[in-house]
Amino acid sequence: QAGFHGDNMGAVVGTLTMQTKQRRPSRDKTDDELEMTMVCHRPEGLDQLEAQTNFSKQELQILYRGFKNECPSGVVNEETFKHIYAQFFPHGDASMYAHYLFNAFDTTNNGSIKFKDFVMGLSILLRGTLREKLEWTFHLYDINRDGYINREEMTEIVRAIYDMMGKYTYPALKGDVPQQHVDAFFQKMDKNKDGVVTMEEFIIACQEDENMMRSMQLFENVM
């Protein structure tokens, strides 16, 4: 059961990259460079993003077209993000999980995700080292960004995942099952029993757990 979060994150990344697979007829480089400058919120230059991420220039162009297709203004606000998400989880309520995921991508905490925020996060989830992926996931759980995961934060995320997956995935789910998951996670992660999980505790526990490790490998196979 420990791997359910990673399995779900695979679905998350699949959702975010779905648009990028609809490749259009290739155009010359000048057209792409021109397109990159025409949106309201101009993204970082392609060369700079290529240096900062694990994507090639061609991959960034494809990602950008998909991003602009969903978000013509060049930024995604939380309501748009939730709307996109809801389409992929029709049998559940994805709004709370989308809220937390949005905050994880919104690293500047300004209420919007620009193309750079999107590709920086995606680069880690799809092409980052195992440690980078685990650090990103830790930040997702660390809702108040104080550098620790407490039991309440983990419960919030786990409940949001169950709500999103819906009744068709868990037909006989009892109300206390998410809490049982949290208790099991905390027992493994909170090594010094101080009631909070540090990033190092989180990373060590994930690396020691085969189910968690297997689920993390999903990221590499999504695109």
C-alpha atoms as a PDB file:
ATOM      1  CA  GLN A   1       0.000   0.000   0.000  1.00  0.00           C
ATOM      2  CA  ALA A   2       2.912   2.337   0.596  1.00  0.00           C
ATOM      3  CA  GLY A   3       3.334   2.966  -3.101  1.00  0.00           C
ATOM      4  CA  PHE A   4      -0.115   4.396  -3.777  1.00  0.00           C
ATOM      5  CA  HIS A   5       1.120   7.987  -3.666  1.00  0.00           C
ATOM      6  CA  GLY A   6       3.731   7.382  -6.343  1.00  0.00           C
ATOM      7  CA  ASP A   7       1.249   5.568  -8.574  1.00  0.00           C
ATOM      8  CA  ASN A   8      -1.010   8.558  -8.309  1.00  0.00           C
ATOM      9  CA  MET A   9       1.807  10.966  -9.077  1.00  0.00           C
ATOM     10  CA  GLY A  10       2.367   9.010 -12.279  1.00  0.00           C
ATOM     11  CA  ALA A  11      -1.214   9.871 -13.220  1.00  0.00           C
ATOM     12  CA  VAL A  12      -0.547  13.469 -12.253  1.00  0.00           C
ATOM     13  CA  VAL A  13       2.415  13.839 -14.561  1.00  0.00           C
ATOM     14  CA  GLY A  14       0.502  12.042 -17.303  1.00  0.00           C
ATOM     15  CA  THR A  15      -2.262  14.604 -16.929  1.00  0.00           C
ATOM     16  CA  LEU A  16       0.115  17.521 -17.178  1.00  0.00           C
ATOM     17  CA  THR A  17       1.922  16.174 -20.227  1.00  0.00           C
ATOM     18  CA  MET A  18      -1.137  14.909 -22.112  1.00  0.00           C
ATOM     19  CA  GLN A  19      -1.341  18.016 -24.277  1.00  0.00           C
ATOM     20  CA  THR A  20       2.309  17.810 -25.268  1.00  0.00           C
ATOM     21  CA  LYS A  21       1.824  14.535 -27.119  1.00  0.00           C
ATOM     22  CA  GLN A  22      -0.390  16.137 -29.745  1.00  0.00           C
ATOM     23  CA  ARG A  23       2.526  17.105 -31.936  1.00  0.00           C
ATOM     24  CA  ARG A  24       1.761  19.485 -34.741  1.00  0.00           C
ATOM     25  CA  PRO A  25       3.496  19.682 -38.125  1.00  0.00           C
ATOM     26  CA  SER A  26       7.039  20.892 -37.603  1.00  0.00           C
ATOM     27  CA  ARG A  27       7.761  24.520 -38.303  1.00  0.00           C
ATOM     28  CA  ASP A  28      11.047  26.282 -38.580  1.00  0.00           C
ATOM     29  CA  LYS A  29      12.935  27.583 -35.585  1.00  0.00           C
ATOM     30  CA  THR A  30      12.085  31.227 -36.268  1.00  0.00           C
ATOM     31  CA  ASP A  31       8.359  30.527 -35.937  1.00  0.00           C
ATOM     32  CA  ASP A  32       8.893  28.811 -32.594  1.00  0.00           C
ATOM     33  CA  GLU A  33      11.083  31.604 -31.254  1.00  0.00           C
ATOM     34  CA  LEU A  34       8.486  34.132 -32.390  1.00  0.00           C
ATOM     35  CA  GLU A  35       5.691  32.198 -30.718  1.00  0.00           C
ATOM     36  CA  MET A  36       7.654  32.155 -27.470  1.00  0.00           C
ATOM     37  CA  THR A  37       7.632  35.973 -27.388  1.00  0.00           C
ATOM     38  CA  MET A  38       3.977  36.578 -28.218  1.00  0.00           C
ATOM     39  CA  VAL A  39       2.187  35.555 -25.000  1.00  0.00           C
ATOM     40  CA  CYS A  40       1.325  38.015 -22.245  1.00  0.00           C
ATOM     41  CA  HIS A  41       3.774  36.454 -19.806  1.00  0.00           C
ATOM     42  CA  ARG A  42       6.898  35.800 -21.775  1.00  0.00           C
ATOM     43  CA  PRO A  43       8.732  32.683 -20.560  1.00  0.00           C
ATOM     44  CA  GLU A  44      12.455  32.398 -20.062  1.00  0.00           C
ATOM     45  CA  GLY A  45      14.458  32.046 -23.258  1.00  0.00           C
ATOM     46  CA  LEU A  46      14.714  28.541 -24.641  1.00  0.00           C
ATOM     47  CA  ASP A  47      18.486  28.419 -24.181  1.00  0.00           C
ATOM     48  CA  GLN A  48      18.176  29.376 -20.525  1.00  0.00           C
ATOM     49  CA  LEU A  49      15.443  26.811 -19.864  1.00  0.00           C
ATOM     50  CA  GLU A  50      17.436  24.133 -21.663  1.00  0.00           C
ATOM     51  CA  ALA A  51      20.361  24.859 -19.328  1.00  0.00           C
ATOM     52  CA  GLN A  52      18.144  24.816 -16.215  1.00  0.00           C
ATOM     53  CA  THR A  53      16.145  21.668 -17.008  1.00  0.00           C
ATOM     54  CA  ASN A  54      16.706  18.152 -18.312  1.00  0.00           C
ATOM     55  CA  PHE A  55      14.759  18.835 -21.526  1.00  0.00           C
ATOM     56  CA  SER A  56      16.121  19.485 -25.005  1.00  0.00           C
ATOM     57  CA  LYS A  57      15.154  22.626 -26.895  1.00  0.00           C
ATOM     58  CA  GLN A  58      12.821  20.621 -29.137  1.00  0.00           C
ATOM     59  CA  GLU A  59      11.101  19.053 -26.116  1.00  0.00           C
ATOM     60  CA  LEU A  60      10.672  22.488 -24.549  1.00  0.00           C
ATOM     61  CA  GLN A  61       9.033  23.764 -27.744  1.00  0.00           C
ATOM     62  CA  ILE A  62       6.570  20.850 -27.708  1.00  0.00           C
ATOM     63  CA  LEU A  63       5.832  21.368 -24.007  1.00  0.00           C
ATOM     64  CA  TYR A  64       5.320  25.067 -24.579  1.00  0.00           C
ATOM     65  CA  ARG A  65       2.781  24.532 -27.352  1.00  0.00           C
ATOM     66  CA  GLY A  66       0.804  22.199 -25.102  1.00  0.00           C
ATOM     67  CA  PHE A  67       1.014  24.671 -22.224  1.00  0.00           C
ATOM     68  CA  LYS A  68      -0.122  27.591 -24.382  1.00  0.00           C
ATOM     69  CA  ASN A  69      -2.929  25.496 -25.830  1.00  0.00           C
ATOM     70  CA  GLU A  70      -4.410  25.107 -22.332  1.00  0.00           C
ATOM     71  CA  CYS A  71      -3.333  28.535 -21.074  1.00  0.00           C
ATOM     72  CA  PRO A  72      -3.226  31.130 -23.872  1.00  0.00           C
ATOM     73  CA  SER A  73      -2.235  33.911 -21.442  1.00  0.00           C
ATOM     74  CA  GLY A  74       0.971  32.087 -20.527  1.00  0.00           C
ATOM     75  CA  VAL A  75       0.044  31.528 -16.876  1.00  0.00           C
ATOM     76  CA  VAL A  76      -2.193  29.039 -15.078  1.00  0.00           C
ATOM     77  CA  ASN A  77      -4.254  30.122 -12.096  1.00  0.00           C
ATOM     78  CA  GLU A  78      -5.557  27.660  -9.537  1.00  0.00           C
ATOM     79  CA  GLU A  79      -9.107  27.506 -10.906  1.00  0.00           C
ATOM     80  CA  THR A  80      -7.859  26.612 -14.401  1.00  0.00           C
ATOM     81  CA  PHE A  81      -5.542  24.007 -12.907  1.00  0.00           C
ATOM     82  CA  LYS A  82      -8.436  22.432 -10.977  1.00  0.00           C
ATOM     83  CA  HIS A  83     -10.629  22.438 -14.083  1.00  0.00           C
ATOM     84  CA  ILE A  84      -7.977  20.627 -16.156  1.00  0.00           C
ATOM     85  CA  TYR A  85      -7.508  18.136 -13.354  1.00  0.00           C
ATOM     86  CA  ALA A  86     -11.189  17.395 -12.838  1.00  0.00           C
ATOM     87  CA  GLN A  87     -11.482  16.099 -16.408  1.00  0.00           C
ATOM     88  CA  PHE A  88      -9.078  13.264 -15.662  1.00  0.00           C
ATOM     89  CA  PHE A  89     -10.740  12.118 -12.421  1.00  0.00           C
ATOM     90  CA  PRO A  90     -14.485  12.168 -13.215  1.00  0.00           C
ATOM     91  CA  HIS A  91     -15.391   9.636 -10.510  1.00  0.00           C
ATOM     92  CA  GLY A  92     -13.811  11.554  -7.660  1.00  0.00           C
ATOM     93  CA  ASP A  93     -13.247  15.058  -6.354  1.00  0.00           C
ATOM     94  CA  ALA A  94      -9.793  16.219  -7.453  1.00  0.00           C
ATOM     95  CA  SER A  95     -10.108  19.806  -6.215  1.00  0.00           C
ATOM     96  CA  MET A  96      -8.152  19.488  -2.961  1.00  0.00           C
ATOM     97  CA  TYR A  97      -5.323  17.446  -4.465  1.00  0.00           C
ATOM     98  CA  ALA A  98      -5.130  19.869  -7.394  1.00  0.00           C
ATOM     99  CA  HIS A  99      -4.895  22.691  -4.835  1.00  0.00           C
ATOM    100  CA  TYR A 100      -1.891  21.104  -3.104  1.00  0.00           C
ATOM    101  CA  LEU A 101      -0.216  20.164  -6.375  1.00  0.00           C
ATOM    102  CA  PHE A 102      -0.727  23.691  -7.698  1.00  0.00           C
ATOM    103  CA  ASN A 103       1.027  25.074  -4.616  1.00  0.00           C
ATOM    104  CA  ALA A 104       3.945  22.686  -5.146  1.00  0.00           C
ATOM    105  CA  PHE A 105       4.421  23.979  -8.716  1.00  0.00           C
ATOM    106  CA  ASP A 106       3.881  27.598  -7.622  1.00  0.00           C
ATOM    107  CA  THR A 107       7.317  27.915  -6.042  1.00  0.00           C
ATOM    108  CA  THR A 108       7.124  31.719  -5.815  1.00  0.00           C
ATOM    109  CA  ASN A 109       3.801  31.492  -3.961  1.00  0.00           C
ATOM    110  CA  ASN A 110       2.193  34.188  -6.124  1.00  0.00           C
ATOM    111  CA  GLY A 111      -0.982  32.319  -7.089  1.00  0.00           C
ATOM    112  CA  SER A 112      -0.022  31.425 -10.647  1.00  0.00           C
ATOM    113  CA  ILE A 113       2.143  28.937 -12.522  1.00  0.00           C
ATOM    114  CA  LYS A 114       4.234  30.261 -15.383  1.00  0.00           C
ATOM    115  CA  PHE A 115       5.742  28.068 -18.070  1.00  0.00           C
ATOM    116  CA  LYS A 116       9.098  28.132 -16.288  1.00  0.00           C
ATOM    117  CA  ASP A 117       7.507  26.907 -13.011  1.00  0.00           C
ATOM    118  CA  PHE A 118       5.780  24.136 -14.947  1.00  0.00           C
ATOM    119  CA  VAL A 119       8.842  22.831 -16.801  1.00  0.00           C
ATOM    120  CA  MET A 120      11.151  23.120 -13.788  1.00  0.00           C
ATOM    121  CA  GLY A 121       8.808  20.887 -11.774  1.00  0.00           C
ATOM    122  CA  LEU A 122       8.197  18.536 -14.679  1.00  0.00           C
ATOM    123  CA  SER A 123      11.931  18.232 -15.312  1.00  0.00           C
ATOM    124  CA  ILE A 124      12.449  16.977 -11.760  1.00  0.00           C
ATOM    125  CA  LEU A 125       9.486  14.587 -11.820  1.00  0.00           C
ATOM    126  CA  LEU A 126      10.356  13.062 -15.192  1.00  0.00           C
ATOM    127  CA  ARG A 127      14.132  13.346 -15.481  1.00  0.00           C
ATOM    128  CA  GLY A 128      15.480  14.242 -12.050  1.00  0.00           C
ATOM    129  CA  THR A 129      17.596  12.063  -9.788  1.00  0.00           C
ATOM    130  CA  LEU A 130      15.777   9.954  -7.220  1.00  0.00           C
ATOM    131  CA  ARG A 131      16.754  12.405  -4.495  1.00  0.00           C
ATOM    132  CA  GLU A 132      15.425  15.373  -6.507  1.00  0.00           C
ATOM    133  CA  LYS A 133      12.103  13.574  -7.013  1.00  0.00           C
ATOM    134  CA  LEU A 134      11.839  12.757  -3.324  1.00  0.00           C
ATOM    135  CA  GLU A 135      12.685  16.344  -2.347  1.00  0.00           C
ATOM    136  CA  TRP A 136       9.942  17.624  -4.675  1.00  0.00           C
ATOM    137  CA  THR A 137       7.437  15.168  -3.184  1.00  0.00           C
ATOM    138  CA  PHE A 138       8.460  16.249   0.326  1.00  0.00           C
ATOM    139  CA  HIS A 139       7.638  19.858  -0.575  1.00  0.00           C
ATOM    140  CA  LEU A 140       4.209  18.718  -1.815  1.00  0.00           C
ATOM    141  CA  TYR A 141       3.462  17.234   1.624  1.00  0.00           C
ATOM    142  CA  ASP A 142       4.993  20.159   3.526  1.00  0.00           C
ATOM    143  CA  ILE A 143       1.868  22.279   3.124  1.00  0.00           C
ATOM    144  CA  ASN A 144       2.892  25.161   5.405  1.00  0.00           C
ATOM    145  CA  ARG A 145       6.481  25.128   4.071  1.00  0.00           C
ATOM    146  CA  ASP A 146       8.121  25.030   7.489  1.00  0.00           C
ATOM    147  CA  GLY A 147      10.571  22.289   6.471  1.00  0.00           C
ATOM    148  CA  TYR A 148       8.738  19.469   8.263  1.00  0.00           C
ATOM    149  CA  ILE A 149       5.803  17.176   7.520  1.00  0.00           C
ATOM    150  CA  ASN A 150       3.464  16.790  10.467  1.00  0.00           C
ATOM    151  CA  ARG A 151       0.710  14.232  10.856  1.00  0.00           C
ATOM    152  CA  GLU A 152      -2.026  16.722   9.946  1.00  0.00           C
ATOM    153  CA  GLU A 153      -0.318  17.683   6.677  1.00  0.00           C
ATOM    154  CA  MET A 154       0.158  14.078   5.644  1.00  0.00           C
ATOM    155  CA  THR A 155      -3.473  13.328   6.512  1.00  0.00           C
ATOM    156  CA  GLU A 156      -4.641  16.253   4.347  1.00  0.00           C
ATOM    157  CA  ILE A 157      -2.723  15.008   1.297  1.00  0.00           C
ATOM    158  CA  VAL A 158      -3.697  11.358   1.746  1.00  0.00           C
ATOM    159  CA  ARG A 159      -7.393  12.252   2.122  1.00  0.00           C
ATOM    160  CA  ALA A 160      -7.156  14.454  -0.971  1.00  0.00           C
ATOM    161  CA  ILE A 161      -5.724  11.507  -2.936  1.00  0.00           C
ATOM    162  CA  TYR A 162      -8.544   9.212  -1.794  1.00  0.00           C
ATOM    163  CA  ASP A 163     -11.138  11.860  -2.659  1.00  0.00           C
ATOM    164  CA  MET A 164      -9.634  12.232  -6.116  1.00  0.00           C
ATOM    165  CA  MET A 165      -9.480   8.511  -6.893  1.00  0.00           C
ATOM    166  CA  GLY A 166     -13.164   8.236  -5.990  1.00  0.00           C
ATOM    167  CA  LYS A 167     -15.565   5.482  -5.083  1.00  0.00           C
ATOM    168  CA  TYR A 168     -14.865   3.394  -8.193  1.00  0.00           C
ATOM    169  CA  THR A 169     -11.264   2.836  -7.152  1.00  0.00           C
ATOM    170  CA  TYR A 170     -12.048   2.112  -3.512  1.00  0.00           C
ATOM    171  CA  PRO A 171     -15.615   0.702  -3.462  1.00  0.00           C
ATOM    172  CA  ALA A 172     -15.554  -0.412   0.172  1.00  0.00           C
ATOM    173  CA  LEU A 173     -13.381   2.343   1.602  1.00  0.00           C
ATOM    174  CA  LYS A 174     -14.019   3.085   5.255  1.00  0.00           C
ATOM    175  CA  GLY A 175     -13.531   6.543   6.678  1.00  0.00           C
ATOM    176  CA  ASP A 176     -10.548   5.599   8.817  1.00  0.00           C
ATOM    177  CA  VAL A 177      -8.450   4.007   6.040  1.00  0.00           C
ATOM    178  CA  PRO A 178      -6.598   7.239   5.098  1.00  0.00           C
ATOM    179  CA  GLN A 179      -5.695   7.699   8.765  1.00  0.00           C
ATOM    180  CA  GLN A 180      -4.366   4.137   8.902  1.00  0.00           C
ATOM    181  CA  HIS A 181      -2.137   4.908   5.927  1.00  0.00           C
ATOM    182  CA  VAL A 182      -0.836   8.024   7.645  1.00  0.00           C
ATOM    183  CA  ASP A 183      -0.130   6.104  10.858  1.00  0.00           C
ATOM    184  CA  ALA A 184       1.807   3.472   8.885  1.00  0.00           C
ATOM    185  CA  PHE A 185       3.780   6.130   6.988  1.00  0.00           C
ATOM    186  CA  PHE A 186       4.634   8.015  10.155  1.00  0.00           C
ATOM    187  CA  GLN A 187       5.747   4.877  11.939  1.00  0.00           C
ATOM    188  CA  LYS A 188       8.278   4.259   9.149  1.00  0.00           C
ATOM    189  CA  MET A 189       9.387   7.841   8.624  1.00  0.00           C
ATOM    190  CA  ASP A 190       9.497   9.529  12.021  1.00  0.00           C
ATOM    191  CA  LYS A 191      12.682   7.815  13.162  1.00  0.00           C
ATOM    192  CA  ASN A 192      13.272   9.890  16.296  1.00  0.00           C
ATOM    193  CA  LYS A 193       9.570   9.936  17.262  1.00  0.00           C
ATOM    194  CA  ASP A 194       9.382  13.718  17.642  1.00  0.00           C
ATOM    195  CA  GLY A 195       6.042  13.986  15.828  1.00  0.00           C
ATOM    196  CA  VAL A 196       7.366  15.503  12.593  1.00  0.00           C
ATOM    197  CA  VAL A 197       9.195  14.132   9.544  1.00  0.00           C
ATOM    198  CA  THR A 198      12.267  15.969   8.271  1.00  0.00           C
ATOM    199  CA  MET A 199      13.357  15.843   4.638  1.00  0.00           C
ATOM    200  CA  GLU A 200      16.196  13.457   5.491  1.00  0.00           C
ATOM    201  CA  GLU A 201      13.846  11.132   7.390  1.00  0.00           C
ATOM    202  CA  PHE A 202      11.445  11.202   4.445  1.00  0.00           C
ATOM    203  CA  ILE A 203      14.150  10.436   1.879  1.00  0.00           C
ATOM    204  CA  ILE A 204      15.732   7.637   3.938  1.00  0.00           C
ATOM    205  CA  ALA A 205      12.348   5.989   4.601  1.00  0.00           C
ATOM    206  CA  CYS A 206      11.408   6.109   0.908  1.00  0.00           C
ATOM    207  CA  GLN A 207      14.767   4.668  -0.135  1.00  0.00           C
ATOM    208  CA  GLU A 208      14.394   1.830   2.376  1.00  0.00           C
ATOM    209  CA  ASP A 209      10.881   0.922   1.192  1.00  0.00           C
ATOM    210  CA  GLU A 210      10.738  -1.126  -2.021  1.00  0.00           C
ATOM    211  CA  ASN A 211       7.121  -0.182  -2.776  1.00  0.00           C
ATOM    212  CA  MET A 212       7.886   3.523  -2.562  1.00  0.00           C
ATOM    213  CA  MET A 213      11.013   3.111  -4.659  1.00  0.00           C
ATOM    214  CA  ARG A 214       9.096   1.211  -7.349  1.00  0.00           C
ATOM    215  CA  SER A 215       6.410   3.863  -7.496  1.00  0.00           C
ATOM    216  CA  MET A 216       9.000   6.616  -7.928  1.00  0.00           C
ATOM    217  CA  GLN A 217      10.304   4.916 -11.074  1.00  0.00           C
ATOM    218  CA  LEU A 218       6.980   5.641 -12.777  1.00  0.00           C
ATOM    219  CA  PHE A 219       8.136   9.191 -13.395  1.00  0.00           C
ATOM    220  CA  GLU A 220      10.766   8.029 -15.852  1.00  0.00           C
ATOM    221  CA  ASN A 221       8.261   6.243 -18.096  1.00  0.00           C
ATOM    222  CA  VAL A 222       5.469   8.778 -18.457  1.00  0.00           C
ATOM    223  CA  MET A 223       6.579  10.867 -21.426  1.00  0.00           C
END
